[in-house]
């Protein structure tokens, strides 16, 4: 099986920017959803990030949480 390559949302966001007035929001959101679906990351739009595991949680639980945090797109404000 090929190694999992990182998903870079940056070029897609640069290509289809959200207008300052937000008048293209519906099209932007639709395109974002399609891009995420192709990358099999569309769950970030459908589900909230779970609560962080407790300090005494298993290493597996911490890894699952870290994976979900890493999958969540980070937008610069």
Protein backbone atom coordinates (compact mmCIF):
# COMPACT_ATOMS: atom_id res chain seq x y z
CA UNK A 1 0.00 0.00 0.00
CA UNK A 2 1.33 3.45 -0.90
CA UNK A 3 2.19 5.83 1.93
CA UNK A 4 -0.48 8.34 2.82
CA UNK A 5 0.41 11.74 1.38
CA UNK A 6 -0.51 14.91 3.27
CA UNK A 7 -3.56 16.83 2.11
CA UNK A 8 -2.83 20.44 1.20
CA UNK A 9 -5.94 22.59 1.05
CA UNK A 10 -3.96 25.79 0.36
CA UNK A 11 -3.94 25.74 -3.47
CA UNK A 12 -7.67 25.04 -3.57
CA UNK A 13 -8.42 27.91 -1.22
CA UNK A 14 -6.19 30.26 -3.23
CA UNK A 15 -7.96 29.31 -6.47
CA UNK A 16 -11.50 29.76 -5.13
CA UNK A 17 -11.32 32.57 -2.59
CA UNK A 18 -14.26 33.68 -0.53
CA UNK A 19 -15.15 37.24 -1.54
CA UNK A 20 -14.67 39.96 1.07
CA UNK A 21 -18.40 40.71 1.03
CA UNK A 22 -19.25 37.02 1.08
CA UNK A 23 -21.43 37.25 -2.01
CA UNK A 24 -19.94 34.01 -3.38
CA UNK A 25 -20.31 32.05 -0.13
CA UNK A 26 -22.65 29.36 -1.49
CA UNK A 27 -20.37 28.58 -4.46
CA UNK A 28 -17.23 28.74 -2.27
CA UNK A 29 -18.72 26.37 0.32
CA UNK A 30 -19.91 23.96 -2.38
CA UNK A 31 -16.43 23.91 -3.97
CA UNK A 32 -14.78 23.44 -0.57
CA UNK A 33 -17.09 20.50 0.15
CA UNK A 34 -16.29 18.89 -3.20
CA UNK A 35 -12.55 19.35 -2.69
CA UNK A 36 -12.76 17.83 0.78
CA UNK A 37 -14.91 14.94 -0.45
CA UNK A 38 -12.35 14.07 -3.15
CA UNK A 39 -9.62 14.07 -0.48
CA UNK A 40 -11.88 11.96 1.81
CA UNK A 41 -11.75 14.71 4.44
CA UNK A 42 -15.35 15.93 4.19
CA UNK A 43 -16.11 14.71 7.71
CA UNK A 44 -14.51 17.93 9.01
CA UNK A 45 -17.57 19.80 7.70
CA UNK A 46 -20.08 17.30 9.07
CA UNK A 47 -18.89 16.67 12.62
CA UNK A 48 -17.55 18.83 15.41
CA UNK A 49 -14.05 18.21 16.71
CA UNK A 50 -14.36 15.89 19.71
CA UNK A 51 -13.23 16.95 23.16
CA UNK A 52 -9.54 16.46 23.88
CA UNK A 53 -8.78 13.18 25.66
CA UNK A 54 -7.94 13.26 29.35
CA UNK A 55 -4.30 13.28 30.42
CA UNK A 56 -4.58 9.64 31.52
CA UNK A 57 -6.18 8.47 28.24
CA UNK A 58 -4.62 5.67 26.24
CA UNK A 59 -2.02 6.47 23.61
CA UNK A 60 -4.45 5.23 20.95
CA UNK A 61 -7.12 7.71 22.08
CA UNK A 62 -4.58 10.55 21.98
CA UNK A 63 -3.45 9.51 18.50
CA UNK A 64 -7.03 9.41 17.18
CA UNK A 65 -7.66 12.90 18.55
CA UNK A 66 -4.38 14.22 17.08
CA UNK A 67 -5.35 12.75 13.71
CA UNK A 68 -8.71 14.53 13.77
CA UNK A 69 -7.06 17.82 14.76
CA UNK A 70 -4.57 17.42 11.89
CA UNK A 71 -7.40 16.74 9.42
CA UNK A 72 -9.24 19.92 10.39
CA UNK A 73 -8.42 22.77 8.00
CA UNK A 74 -6.63 25.69 9.62
CA UNK A 75 -7.70 29.03 8.17
CA UNK A 76 -5.57 32.10 8.73
CA UNK A 77 -7.63 34.99 10.09
